[in-house]
Amino acid sequence: MTSEFKKVRRDFKFRYGRLLRQANYWLVARVAMLIISLLRLLPVDSALNFADRVARRVGPRVGRHQVAVDNLRLAYPEKSEAEIQAIASDMWGNMARLAAEYIFLDALFDYDPKATTPGRIEVKGADHFLEIAGEQKPHIIFTGHLGNFELLPVAAATFGMNITALFRPPNNPYLADYIHSTRRSTMGSLLPSSTGASFALASVLENGGNIGILVDQKFSNGLATTFFGRPCQSNRVLGTLARHYDCDVYPARCVRLPGNRFRLEIEDKLTLPRAANGSVDVPALTQLLNDVVERWVREDPGQWMWFHKRWEISIWKRGPRPKATQAN
């Protein structure tokens, strides 16, 4: 077999695989948009409750369910199998509600600080939102994948806070376009997580702006930290930015309440750990972020994404360096 034929076959397989992947993305997106259209026909509560029921039946049948169960067993060795499965079921219900809530964000977010009767949204720590919005200096707000975390930047905008939220777009480009357009219309500035995102975040802080970051995802070749007592890798970007700009760091989360209601909480700013020279200790701060998220997850374990491979350790290996060639 000639090298030219091998190259042609390789190119064909690559192009065919790319076309097949794009076709799969398109098909999945069409099905998703059909489901969204059908859910729009239902009242908000009926649609969310329906999505929850379906996910609790379908979720245990997908491959990621086993990842979630394995993670739960290691995180909670004292819990029975029935308790583990119950948390996993709650997780699938939460994920389905989160997806369906994209459709109804405008209807769900009804927070009014002057309202005399409670709505779907309650806010704990509203003074912090107002304080951050009124200060002419940079701030960092972090959260985790808990409840409907997408409501936090909506709340920030409601309080007049200028914030840029870092997000990871879906791999499916068709769904990514829909989700990004939905987010952009209600959440203010958005920054896709990609190469160069840390520089863009730094630019926001440099100009006195505020940024929001999710901190509970696996990060290949990140800092060695622990989560639920197990080794994991964590992104150092928040700690690095906090050290460089010496700005306040606030924890914030969303707690899902019964009756399709939510409590948005922004806690007191962290006391940042310092190195001997007085600068922010990046590894210690990164671990502190994990500790805060772990506390939240332990309070509401069914509202976190246990199917995420948070504890997978990845090591990037450099290839052999090319040998220097001598000049003729």
C-alpha atoms as a PDB file:
ATOM      1  CA  MET A   1       0.000   0.000   0.000  1.00  0.00           C
ATOM      2  CA  THR A   2       1.565   3.271  -1.109  1.00  0.00           C
ATOM      3  CA  SER A   3       1.970   6.207   1.232  1.00  0.00           C
ATOM      4  CA  GLU A   4      -0.226   8.336  -1.050  1.00  0.00           C
ATOM      5  CA  PHE A   5      -3.085   5.837  -0.799  1.00  0.00           C
ATOM      6  CA  LYS A   6      -2.744   5.739   2.995  1.00  0.00           C
ATOM      7  CA  LYS A   7      -2.900   9.516   3.119  1.00  0.00           C
ATOM      8  CA  VAL A   8      -6.036   9.596   0.920  1.00  0.00           C
ATOM      9  CA  ARG A   9      -7.725   6.979   3.079  1.00  0.00           C
ATOM     10  CA  ARG A  10      -6.776   8.819   6.264  1.00  0.00           C
ATOM     11  CA  ASP A  11      -8.112  12.110   4.890  1.00  0.00           C
ATOM     12  CA  PHE A  12     -11.343  10.425   3.819  1.00  0.00           C
ATOM     13  CA  LYS A  13     -11.872   8.848   7.254  1.00  0.00           C
ATOM     14  CA  PHE A  14     -11.214  12.190   8.925  1.00  0.00           C
ATOM     15  CA  ARG A  15     -13.663  14.086   6.707  1.00  0.00           C
ATOM     16  CA  TYR A  16     -16.286  11.350   6.952  1.00  0.00           C
ATOM     17  CA  GLY A  17     -15.937  11.252  10.724  1.00  0.00           C
ATOM     18  CA  ARG A  18     -16.304  15.021  10.937  1.00  0.00           C
ATOM     19  CA  LEU A  19     -19.420  14.985   8.754  1.00  0.00           C
ATOM     20  CA  LEU A  20     -20.890  12.145  10.799  1.00  0.00           C
ATOM     21  CA  ARG A  21     -20.213  14.032  14.016  1.00  0.00           C
ATOM     22  CA  GLN A  22     -21.826  17.191  12.646  1.00  0.00           C
ATOM     23  CA  ALA A  23     -24.854  15.189  11.501  1.00  0.00           C
ATOM     24  CA  ASN A  24     -25.177  13.694  14.971  1.00  0.00           C
ATOM     25  CA  TYR A  25     -24.933  17.156  16.559  1.00  0.00           C
ATOM     26  CA  TRP A  26     -27.644  18.433  14.211  1.00  0.00           C
ATOM     27  CA  LEU A  27     -29.954  15.498  14.945  1.00  0.00           C
ATOM     28  CA  VAL A  28     -29.516  15.787  18.715  1.00  0.00           C
ATOM     29  CA  ALA A  29     -30.156  19.528  18.524  1.00  0.00           C
ATOM     30  CA  ARG A  30     -33.325  19.016  16.453  1.00  0.00           C
ATOM     31  CA  VAL A  31     -34.665  16.516  18.992  1.00  0.00           C
ATOM     32  CA  ALA A  32     -33.769  18.855  21.848  1.00  0.00           C
ATOM     33  CA  MET A  33     -35.489  21.807  20.168  1.00  0.00           C
ATOM     34  CA  LEU A  34     -38.582  19.679  19.563  1.00  0.00           C
ATOM     35  CA  ILE A  35     -38.710  18.784  23.248  1.00  0.00           C
ATOM     36  CA  ILE A  36     -38.247  22.456  24.131  1.00  0.00           C
ATOM     37  CA  SER A  37     -41.132  23.412  21.839  1.00  0.00           C
ATOM     38  CA  LEU A  38     -43.375  20.831  23.491  1.00  0.00           C
ATOM     39  CA  LEU A  39     -42.427  21.951  26.996  1.00  0.00           C
ATOM     40  CA  ARG A  40     -43.276  25.539  26.064  1.00  0.00           C
ATOM     41  CA  LEU A  41     -46.873  24.424  25.559  1.00  0.00           C
ATOM     42  CA  LEU A  42     -47.126  23.500  29.240  1.00  0.00           C
ATOM     43  CA  PRO A  43     -47.425  25.799  32.256  1.00  0.00           C
ATOM     44  CA  VAL A  44     -44.066  26.408  33.930  1.00  0.00           C
ATOM     45  CA  ASP A  45     -44.603  24.156  36.950  1.00  0.00           C
ATOM     46  CA  SER A  46     -46.080  21.336  34.884  1.00  0.00           C
ATOM     47  CA  ALA A  47     -43.161  21.444  32.429  1.00  0.00           C
ATOM     48  CA  LEU A  48     -40.509  21.391  35.162  1.00  0.00           C
ATOM     49  CA  ASN A  49     -42.201  18.603  37.107  1.00  0.00           C
ATOM     50  CA  PHE A  50     -42.618  16.552  33.929  1.00  0.00           C
ATOM     51  CA  ALA A  51     -38.924  16.940  33.065  1.00  0.00           C
ATOM     52  CA  ASP A  52     -38.016  15.835  36.602  1.00  0.00           C
ATOM     53  CA  ARG A  53     -40.138  12.671  36.406  1.00  0.00           C
ATOM     54  CA  VAL A  54     -38.771  11.657  33.008  1.00  0.00           C
ATOM     55  CA  ALA A  55     -35.139  12.217  34.045  1.00  0.00           C
ATOM     56  CA  ARG A  56     -35.522  10.089  37.175  1.00  0.00           C
ATOM     57  CA  ARG A  57     -36.609   7.201  34.946  1.00  0.00           C
ATOM     58  CA  VAL A  58     -34.130   7.702  32.116  1.00  0.00           C
ATOM     59  CA  GLY A  59     -31.055   8.855  34.085  1.00  0.00           C
ATOM     60  CA  PRO A  60     -30.285   5.491  35.753  1.00  0.00           C
ATOM     61  CA  ARG A  61     -30.165   3.878  32.299  1.00  0.00           C
ATOM     62  CA  VAL A  62     -27.344   6.035  30.898  1.00  0.00           C
ATOM     63  CA  GLY A  63     -23.640   5.335  31.298  1.00  0.00           C
ATOM     64  CA  ARG A  64     -22.917   8.401  33.414  1.00  0.00           C
ATOM     65  CA  HIS A  65     -25.211   7.057  36.136  1.00  0.00           C
ATOM     66  CA  GLN A  66     -22.580   4.526  37.129  1.00  0.00           C
ATOM     67  CA  VAL A  67     -19.977   7.297  37.353  1.00  0.00           C
ATOM     68  CA  ALA A  68     -22.310   9.224  39.658  1.00  0.00           C
ATOM     69  CA  VAL A  69     -23.008   6.207  41.854  1.00  0.00           C
ATOM     70  CA  ASP A  70     -19.313   5.320  42.124  1.00  0.00           C
ATOM     71  CA  ASN A  71     -18.477   8.899  43.115  1.00  0.00           C
ATOM     72  CA  LEU A  72     -21.254   8.929  45.694  1.00  0.00           C
ATOM     73  CA  ARG A  73     -20.116   5.666  47.262  1.00  0.00           C
ATOM     74  CA  LEU A  74     -16.596   7.038  47.694  1.00  0.00           C
ATOM     75  CA  ALA A  75     -17.848  10.395  49.002  1.00  0.00           C
ATOM     76  CA  TYR A  76     -20.342   8.842  51.424  1.00  0.00           C
ATOM     77  CA  PRO A  77     -19.029   5.424  52.503  1.00  0.00           C
ATOM     78  CA  GLU A  78     -21.392   5.527  55.484  1.00  0.00           C
ATOM     79  CA  LYS A  79     -24.564   5.731  53.358  1.00  0.00           C
ATOM     80  CA  SER A  80     -26.642   2.729  52.339  1.00  0.00           C
ATOM     81  CA  GLU A  81     -27.137   1.725  48.712  1.00  0.00           C
ATOM     82  CA  ALA A  82     -30.721   2.976  48.877  1.00  0.00           C
ATOM     83  CA  GLU A  83     -29.510   6.390  50.063  1.00  0.00           C
ATOM     84  CA  ILE A  84     -26.887   6.525  47.309  1.00  0.00           C
ATOM     85  CA  GLN A  85     -29.465   5.725  44.628  1.00  0.00           C
ATOM     86  CA  ALA A  86     -31.858   8.308  46.078  1.00  0.00           C
ATOM     87  CA  ILE A  87     -29.214  11.054  45.818  1.00  0.00           C
ATOM     88  CA  ALA A  88     -28.417   9.986  42.242  1.00  0.00           C
ATOM     89  CA  SER A  89     -32.123  10.142  41.392  1.00  0.00           C
ATOM     90  CA  ASP A  90     -32.366  13.639  42.874  1.00  0.00           C
ATOM     91  CA  MET A  91     -29.337  14.617  40.782  1.00  0.00           C
ATOM     92  CA  TRP A  92     -31.045  13.549  37.551  1.00  0.00           C
ATOM     93  CA  GLY A  93     -34.187  15.417  38.548  1.00  0.00           C
ATOM     94  CA  ASN A  94     -32.137  18.527  39.264  1.00  0.00           C
ATOM     95  CA  MET A  95     -30.328  18.276  35.920  1.00  0.00           C
ATOM     96  CA  ALA A  96     -33.601  17.929  34.000  1.00  0.00           C
ATOM     97  CA  ARG A  97     -35.093  20.902  35.795  1.00  0.00           C
ATOM     98  CA  LEU A  98     -31.962  22.942  35.056  1.00  0.00           C
ATOM     99  CA  ALA A  99     -32.245  22.157  31.341  1.00  0.00           C
ATOM    100  CA  ALA A 100     -35.966  22.899  31.226  1.00  0.00           C
ATOM    101  CA  GLU A 101     -35.551  26.115  33.196  1.00  0.00           C
ATOM    102  CA  TYR A 102     -33.589  27.647  30.324  1.00  0.00           C
ATOM    103  CA  ILE A 103     -36.929  27.889  28.543  1.00  0.00           C
ATOM    104  CA  PHE A 104     -38.593  29.777  31.368  1.00  0.00           C
ATOM    105  CA  LEU A 105     -35.819  31.968  32.798  1.00  0.00           C
ATOM    106  CA  ASP A 106     -37.807  35.162  32.328  1.00  0.00           C
ATOM    107  CA  ALA A 107     -40.854  33.694  34.066  1.00  0.00           C
ATOM    108  CA  LEU A 108     -38.858  32.096  36.876  1.00  0.00           C
ATOM    109  CA  PHE A 109     -36.808  35.097  37.912  1.00  0.00           C
ATOM    110  CA  ASP A 110     -39.413  37.258  39.635  1.00  0.00           C
ATOM    111  CA  TYR A 111     -37.291  38.745  42.412  1.00  0.00           C
ATOM    112  CA  ASP A 112     -38.433  42.166  43.544  1.00  0.00           C
ATOM    113  CA  PRO A 113     -36.766  43.622  46.664  1.00  0.00           C
ATOM    114  CA  LYS A 114     -39.845  45.800  47.253  1.00  0.00           C
ATOM    115  CA  ALA A 115     -42.354  42.943  47.016  1.00  0.00           C
ATOM    116  CA  THR A 116     -44.475  42.264  50.098  1.00  0.00           C
ATOM    117  CA  THR A 117     -45.270  38.662  49.166  1.00  0.00           C
ATOM    118  CA  PRO A 118     -42.645  35.980  48.414  1.00  0.00           C
ATOM    119  CA  GLY A 119     -42.136  34.911  44.814  1.00  0.00           C
ATOM    120  CA  ARG A 120     -40.133  32.110  43.268  1.00  0.00           C
ATOM    121  CA  ILE A 121     -36.804  33.787  44.078  1.00  0.00           C
ATOM    122  CA  GLU A 122     -35.501  34.763  47.483  1.00  0.00           C
ATOM    123  CA  VAL A 123     -32.102  36.356  48.029  1.00  0.00           C
ATOM    124  CA  LYS A 124     -29.876  35.934  51.060  1.00  0.00           C
ATOM    125  CA  GLY A 125     -27.062  38.453  51.281  1.00  0.00           C
ATOM    126  CA  ALA A 126     -28.649  41.147  49.118  1.00  0.00           C
ATOM    127  CA  ASP A 127     -26.472  43.732  50.884  1.00  0.00           C
ATOM    128  CA  HIS A 128     -23.397  42.080  49.397  1.00  0.00           C
ATOM    129  CA  PHE A 129     -24.834  42.332  45.893  1.00  0.00           C
ATOM    130  CA  LEU A 130     -25.490  46.044  46.441  1.00  0.00           C
ATOM    131  CA  GLU A 131     -22.074  46.597  48.010  1.00  0.00           C
ATOM    132  CA  ILE A 132     -20.253  44.967  45.085  1.00  0.00           C
ATOM    133  CA  ALA A 133     -22.350  46.897  42.564  1.00  0.00           C
ATOM    134  CA  GLY A 134     -21.536  50.181  44.299  1.00  0.00           C
ATOM    135  CA  GLU A 135     -17.796  49.726  44.722  1.00  0.00           C
ATOM    136  CA  GLN A 136     -15.520  51.000  41.986  1.00  0.00           C
ATOM    137  CA  LYS A 137     -13.036  48.133  42.186  1.00  0.00           C
ATOM    138  CA  PRO A 138     -12.741  44.557  40.894  1.00  0.00           C
ATOM    139  CA  HIS A 139     -14.361  41.550  42.579  1.00  0.00           C
ATOM    140  CA  ILE A 140     -14.426  37.813  41.957  1.00  0.00           C
ATOM    141  CA  ILE A 141     -17.554  35.766  42.638  1.00  0.00           C
ATOM    142  CA  PHE A 142     -17.350  31.981  42.495  1.00  0.00           C
ATOM    143  CA  THR A 143     -19.916  29.213  42.572  1.00  0.00           C
ATOM    144  CA  GLY A 144     -20.433  25.546  41.737  1.00  0.00           C
ATOM    145  CA  HIS A 145     -22.828  23.489  39.633  1.00  0.00           C
ATOM    146  CA  LEU A 146     -25.554  23.519  42.288  1.00  0.00           C
ATOM    147  CA  GLY A 147     -29.287  24.078  41.899  1.00  0.00           C
ATOM    148  CA  ASN A 148     -29.854  26.478  39.026  1.00  0.00           C
ATOM    149  CA  PHE A 149     -26.508  28.285  39.184  1.00  0.00           C
ATOM    150  CA  GLU A 150     -27.493  30.154  35.997  1.00  0.00           C
ATOM    151  CA  LEU A 151     -29.767  32.386  38.088  1.00  0.00           C
ATOM    152  CA  LEU A 152     -26.836  33.991  39.915  1.00  0.00           C
ATOM    153  CA  PRO A 153     -25.689  36.284  37.062  1.00  0.00           C
ATOM    154  CA  VAL A 154     -29.355  37.181  36.463  1.00  0.00           C
ATOM    155  CA  ALA A 155     -29.564  38.298  40.090  1.00  0.00           C
ATOM    156  CA  ALA A 156     -26.305  40.212  39.758  1.00  0.00           C
ATOM    157  CA  ALA A 157     -27.694  42.140  36.784  1.00  0.00           C
ATOM    158  CA  THR A 158     -30.877  42.873  38.747  1.00  0.00           C
ATOM    159  CA  PHE A 159     -28.826  44.551  41.469  1.00  0.00           C
ATOM    160  CA  GLY A 160     -26.985  46.644  38.895  1.00  0.00           C
ATOM    161  CA  MET A 161     -23.765  44.653  39.104  1.00  0.00           C
ATOM    162  CA  ASN A 162     -21.591  44.696  36.014  1.00  0.00           C
ATOM    163  CA  ILE A 163     -20.292  41.126  35.839  1.00  0.00           C
ATOM    164  CA  THR A 164     -18.646  38.932  33.209  1.00  0.00           C
ATOM    165  CA  ALA A 165     -19.410  35.250  33.688  1.00  0.00           C
ATOM    166  CA  LEU A 166     -17.068  32.546  32.426  1.00  0.00           C
ATOM    167  CA  PHE A 167     -18.962  29.591  30.941  1.00  0.00           C
ATOM    168  CA  ARG A 168     -18.148  26.409  29.064  1.00  0.00           C
ATOM    169  CA  PRO A 169     -20.251  26.099  25.898  1.00  0.00           C
ATOM    170  CA  PRO A 170     -21.588  22.644  24.945  1.00  0.00           C
ATOM    171  CA  ASN A 171     -19.640  20.634  22.383  1.00  0.00           C
ATOM    172  CA  ASN A 172     -22.760  20.584  20.201  1.00  0.00           C
ATOM    173  CA  PRO A 173     -22.495  23.871  18.206  1.00  0.00           C
ATOM    174  CA  TYR A 174     -26.235  23.991  17.468  1.00  0.00           C
ATOM    175  CA  LEU A 175     -27.192  23.688  21.134  1.00  0.00           C
ATOM    176  CA  ALA A 176     -24.370  26.056  22.078  1.00  0.00           C
ATOM    177  CA  ASP A 177     -25.856  28.799  19.882  1.00  0.00           C
ATOM    178  CA  TYR A 178     -29.275  28.402  21.510  1.00  0.00           C
ATOM    179  CA  ILE A 179     -27.941  28.325  25.069  1.00  0.00           C
ATOM    180  CA  HIS A 180     -25.613  31.258  24.487  1.00  0.00           C
ATOM    181  CA  SER A 181     -28.415  33.393  23.056  1.00  0.00           C
ATOM    182  CA  THR A 182     -30.621  32.512  26.039  1.00  0.00           C
ATOM    183  CA  ARG A 183     -27.886  33.314  28.533  1.00  0.00           C
ATOM    184  CA  ARG A 184     -26.817  36.532  26.835  1.00  0.00           C
ATOM    185  CA  SER A 185     -30.325  37.989  26.906  1.00  0.00           C
ATOM    186  CA  THR A 186     -30.609  37.674  30.703  1.00  0.00           C
ATOM    187  CA  MET A 187     -27.139  37.328  32.217  1.00  0.00           C
ATOM    188  CA  GLY A 188     -25.080  40.247  30.948  1.00  0.00           C
ATOM    189  CA  SER A 189     -21.556  39.699  29.602  1.00  0.00           C
ATOM    190  CA  LEU A 190     -20.489  36.112  28.904  1.00  0.00           C
ATOM    191  CA  LEU A 191     -17.036  34.759  28.209  1.00  0.00           C
ATOM    192  CA  PRO A 192     -16.600  31.285  26.670  1.00  0.00           C
ATOM    193  CA  SER A 193     -14.072  29.095  28.437  1.00  0.00           C
ATOM    194  CA  SER A 194     -11.301  28.660  25.895  1.00  0.00           C
ATOM    195  CA  THR A 195      -7.653  29.398  25.262  1.00  0.00           C
ATOM    196  CA  GLY A 196      -7.001  32.982  26.277  1.00  0.00           C
ATOM    197  CA  ALA A 197     -10.013  33.230  28.608  1.00  0.00           C
ATOM    198  CA  SER A 198      -7.775  33.929  31.614  1.00  0.00           C
ATOM    199  CA  PHE A 199      -6.313  36.954  29.816  1.00  0.00           C
ATOM    200  CA  ALA A 200      -9.810  38.220  29.043  1.00  0.00           C
ATOM    201  CA  LEU A 201     -10.802  37.809  32.708  1.00  0.00           C
ATOM    202  CA  ALA A 202      -7.674  39.688  33.735  1.00  0.00           C
ATOM    203  CA  SER A 203      -8.637  42.505  31.387  1.00  0.00           C
ATOM    204  CA  VAL A 204     -12.057  42.788  33.048  1.00  0.00           C
ATOM    205  CA  LEU A 205     -10.479  43.004  36.504  1.00  0.00           C
ATOM    206  CA  GLU A 206      -7.847  45.448  35.240  1.00  0.00           C
ATOM    207  CA  ASN A 207     -10.682  47.793  34.257  1.00  0.00           C
ATOM    208  CA  GLY A 208     -12.377  47.510  37.650  1.00  0.00           C
ATOM    209  CA  GLY A 209     -15.019  44.984  36.569  1.00  0.00           C
ATOM    210  CA  ASN A 210     -16.365  41.880  38.260  1.00  0.00           C
ATOM    211  CA  ILE A 211     -16.080  38.264  37.127  1.00  0.00           C
ATOM    212  CA  GLY A 212     -17.987  35.086  37.949  1.00  0.00           C
ATOM    213  CA  ILE A 213     -16.307  31.666  37.819  1.00  0.00           C
ATOM    214  CA  LEU A 214     -17.430  28.059  38.331  1.00  0.00           C
ATOM    215  CA  VAL A 215     -14.735  26.295  40.356  1.00  0.00           C
ATOM    216  CA  ASP A 216     -15.893  22.689  40.805  1.00  0.00           C
ATOM    217  CA  GLN A 217     -14.783  21.153  37.511  1.00  0.00           C
ATOM    218  CA  LYS A 218     -11.863  18.853  36.787  1.00  0.00           C
ATOM    219  CA  PHE A 219      -8.904  20.704  35.321  1.00  0.00           C
ATOM    220  CA  SER A 220      -6.198  18.669  33.611  1.00  0.00           C
ATOM    221  CA  ASN A 221      -2.749  19.383  35.026  1.00  0.00           C
ATOM    222  CA  GLY A 222      -4.275  21.707  37.596  1.00  0.00           C
ATOM    223  CA  LEU A 223      -3.168  22.196  41.166  1.00  0.00           C
ATOM    224  CA  ALA A 224      -3.144  19.120  43.382  1.00  0.00           C
ATOM    225  CA  THR A 225      -6.063  19.554  45.800  1.00  0.00           C
ATOM    226  CA  THR A 226      -8.656  17.420  47.576  1.00  0.00           C
ATOM    227  CA  PHE A 227     -12.436  17.264  47.375  1.00  0.00           C
ATOM    228  CA  PHE A 228     -14.408  15.049  49.750  1.00  0.00           C
ATOM    229  CA  GLY A 229     -11.036  13.823  50.995  1.00  0.00           C
ATOM    230  CA  ARG A 230      -9.958  12.496  47.592  1.00  0.00           C
ATOM    231  CA  PRO A 231      -7.153  13.867  45.403  1.00  0.00           C
ATOM    232  CA  CYS A 232      -8.243  15.957  42.414  1.00  0.00           C
ATOM    233  CA  GLN A 233      -6.932  18.634  40.085  1.00  0.00           C
ATOM    234  CA  SER A 234      -8.253  22.185  40.276  1.00  0.00           C
ATOM    235  CA  ASN A 235      -7.895  25.280  38.129  1.00  0.00           C
ATOM    236  CA  ARG A 236      -5.571  27.872  39.622  1.00  0.00           C
ATOM    237  CA  VAL A 237      -6.901  30.796  37.576  1.00  0.00           C
ATOM    238  CA  LEU A 238      -9.072  32.296  40.326  1.00  0.00           C
ATOM    239  CA  GLY A 239      -6.247  32.186  42.843  1.00  0.00           C
ATOM    240  CA  THR A 240      -3.788  33.653  40.361  1.00  0.00           C
ATOM    241  CA  LEU A 241      -6.131  36.518  39.497  1.00  0.00           C
ATOM    242  CA  ALA A 242      -6.922  37.167  43.161  1.00  0.00           C
ATOM    243  CA  ARG A 243      -3.193  37.319  43.920  1.00  0.00           C
ATOM    244  CA  HIS A 244      -2.406  39.646  41.028  1.00  0.00           C
ATOM    245  CA  TYR A 245      -5.261  42.096  41.658  1.00  0.00           C
ATOM    246  CA  ASP A 246      -5.608  41.467  45.427  1.00  0.00           C
ATOM    247  CA  CYS A 247      -9.379  41.728  45.026  1.00  0.00           C
ATOM    248  CA  ASP A 248     -12.213  40.507  47.241  1.00  0.00           C
ATOM    249  CA  VAL A 249     -13.536  36.990  46.579  1.00  0.00           C
ATOM    250  CA  TYR A 250     -17.176  36.155  47.365  1.00  0.00           C
ATOM    251  CA  PRO A 251     -18.840  32.705  47.475  1.00  0.00           C
ATOM    252  CA  ALA A 252     -22.326  32.485  45.932  1.00  0.00           C
ATOM    253  CA  ARG A 253     -24.716  29.608  45.295  1.00  0.00           C
ATOM    254  CA  CYS A 254     -28.234  28.691  44.281  1.00  0.00           C
ATOM    255  CA  VAL A 255     -30.313  26.357  46.462  1.00  0.00           C
ATOM    256  CA  ARG A 256     -33.305  24.683  44.890  1.00  0.00           C
ATOM    257  CA  LEU A 257     -36.379  24.868  47.154  1.00  0.00           C
ATOM    258  CA  PRO A 258     -39.677  22.935  47.053  1.00  0.00           C
ATOM    259  CA  GLY A 259     -42.371  24.222  44.718  1.00  0.00           C
ATOM    260  CA  ASN A 260     -39.980  25.297  41.948  1.00  0.00           C
ATOM    261  CA  ARG A 261     -38.554  28.071  44.093  1.00  0.00           C
ATOM    262  CA  PHE A 262     -34.932  29.124  44.631  1.00  0.00           C
ATOM    263  CA  ARG A 263     -32.780  30.772  47.240  1.00  0.00           C
ATOM    264  CA  LEU A 264     -29.792  32.710  45.910  1.00  0.00           C
ATOM    265  CA  GLU A 265     -27.094  33.205  48.511  1.00  0.00           C
ATOM    266  CA  ILE A 266     -23.989  35.362  48.461  1.00  0.00           C
ATOM    267  CA  GLU A 267     -21.848  34.828  51.533  1.00  0.00           C
ATOM    268  CA  ASP A 268     -19.333  37.059  53.280  1.00  0.00           C
ATOM    269  CA  LYS A 269     -16.134  37.592  51.338  1.00  0.00           C
ATOM    270  CA  LEU A 270     -13.383  35.077  52.015  1.00  0.00           C
ATOM    271  CA  THR A 271     -10.425  35.779  54.238  1.00  0.00           C
ATOM    272  CA  LEU A 272      -7.760  35.045  51.664  1.00  0.00           C
ATOM    273  CA  PRO A 273      -4.844  32.856  52.814  1.00  0.00           C
ATOM    274  CA  ARG A 274      -1.514  34.654  52.552  1.00  0.00           C
ATOM    275  CA  ALA A 275       2.041  33.520  51.944  1.00  0.00           C
ATOM    276  CA  ALA A 276       4.940  34.698  54.104  1.00  0.00           C
ATOM    277  CA  ASN A 277       5.515  37.690  51.810  1.00  0.00           C
ATOM    278  CA  GLY A 278       1.895  38.825  52.184  1.00  0.00           C
ATOM    279  CA  SER A 279       0.692  37.825  48.711  1.00  0.00           C
ATOM    280  CA  VAL A 280      -2.300  35.542  48.202  1.00  0.00           C
ATOM    281  CA  ASP A 281      -1.339  31.875  48.614  1.00  0.00           C
ATOM    282  CA  VAL A 282      -2.718  30.426  45.366  1.00  0.00           C
ATOM    283  CA  PRO A 283      -2.628  26.686  46.300  1.00  0.00           C
ATOM    284  CA  ALA A 284      -4.196  27.378  49.711  1.00  0.00           C
ATOM    285  CA  LEU A 285      -6.912  29.569  48.191  1.00  0.00           C
ATOM    286  CA  THR A 286      -7.668  26.965  45.523  1.00  0.00           C
ATOM    287  CA  GLN A 287      -8.126  24.350  48.262  1.00  0.00           C
ATOM    288  CA  LEU A 288     -10.322  26.765  50.215  1.00  0.00           C
ATOM    289  CA  LEU A 289     -12.618  27.098  47.190  1.00  0.00           C
ATOM    290  CA  ASN A 290     -12.977  23.292  47.108  1.00  0.00           C
ATOM    291  CA  ASP A 291     -13.763  23.265  50.826  1.00  0.00           C
ATOM    292  CA  VAL A 292     -16.533  25.843  50.394  1.00  0.00           C
ATOM    293  CA  VAL A 293     -18.116  23.929  47.501  1.00  0.00           C
ATOM    294  CA  GLU A 294     -17.846  20.656  49.457  1.00  0.00           C
ATOM    295  CA  ARG A 295     -19.750  22.255  52.334  1.00  0.00           C
ATOM    296  CA  TRP A 296     -22.492  23.302  49.934  1.00  0.00           C
ATOM    297  CA  VAL A 297     -22.669  19.864  48.312  1.00  0.00           C
ATOM    298  CA  ARG A 298     -22.882  18.095  51.674  1.00  0.00           C
ATOM    299  CA  GLU A 299     -25.857  20.287  52.580  1.00  0.00           C
ATOM    300  CA  ASP A 300     -27.701  19.475  49.312  1.00  0.00           C
ATOM    301  CA  PRO A 301     -26.016  16.435  47.681  1.00  0.00           C
ATOM    302  CA  GLY A 302     -28.829  15.827  45.215  1.00  0.00           C
ATOM    303  CA  GLN A 303     -28.290  19.250  43.641  1.00  0.00           C
ATOM    304  CA  TRP A 304     -24.724  18.638  42.415  1.00  0.00           C
ATOM    305  CA  MET A 305     -23.436  16.970  39.220  1.00  0.00           C
ATOM    306  CA  TRP A 306     -22.066  13.688  40.560  1.00  0.00           C
ATOM    307  CA  PHE A 307     -21.625  12.278  37.044  1.00  0.00           C
ATOM    308  CA  HIS A 308     -18.774  14.727  36.452  1.00  0.00           C
ATOM    309  CA  LYS A 309     -15.337  13.031  36.535  1.00  0.00           C
ATOM    310  CA  ARG A 310     -14.107  15.462  39.164  1.00  0.00           C
ATOM    311  CA  TRP A 311     -11.502  13.091  40.612  1.00  0.00           C
ATOM    312  CA  GLU A 312      -9.954  11.912  37.352  1.00  0.00           C
ATOM    313  CA  ILE A 313      -6.245  12.742  37.351  1.00  0.00           C
ATOM    314  CA  SER A 314      -4.781  13.727  33.990  1.00  0.00           C
ATOM    315  CA  ILE A 315      -1.107  14.199  33.293  1.00  0.00           C
ATOM    316  CA  TRP A 316      -0.048  15.946  30.130  1.00  0.00           C
ATOM    317  CA  LYS A 317       3.149  14.435  28.866  1.00  0.00           C
ATOM    318  CA  ARG A 318       5.465  16.441  26.678  1.00  0.00           C
ATOM    319  CA  GLY A 319       6.618  14.765  23.520  1.00  0.00           C
ATOM    320  CA  PRO A 320      10.314  14.245  22.866  1.00  0.00           C
ATOM    321  CA  ARG A 321      12.131  17.438  22.060  1.00  0.00           C
ATOM    322  CA  PRO A 322      13.319  17.599  18.466  1.00  0.00           C
ATOM    323  CA  LYS A 323      17.019  17.089  18.008  1.00  0.00           C
ATOM    324  CA  ALA A 324      18.994  20.137  16.966  1.00  0.00           C
ATOM    325  CA  THR A 325      20.320  19.987  13.461  1.00  0.00           C
ATOM    326  CA  GLN A 326      23.724  21.247  12.586  1.00  0.00           C
ATOM    327  CA  ALA A 327      24.021  23.980  10.030  1.00  0.00           C
ATOM    328  CA  ASN A 328      25.869  23.051   6.890  1.00  0.00           C
END
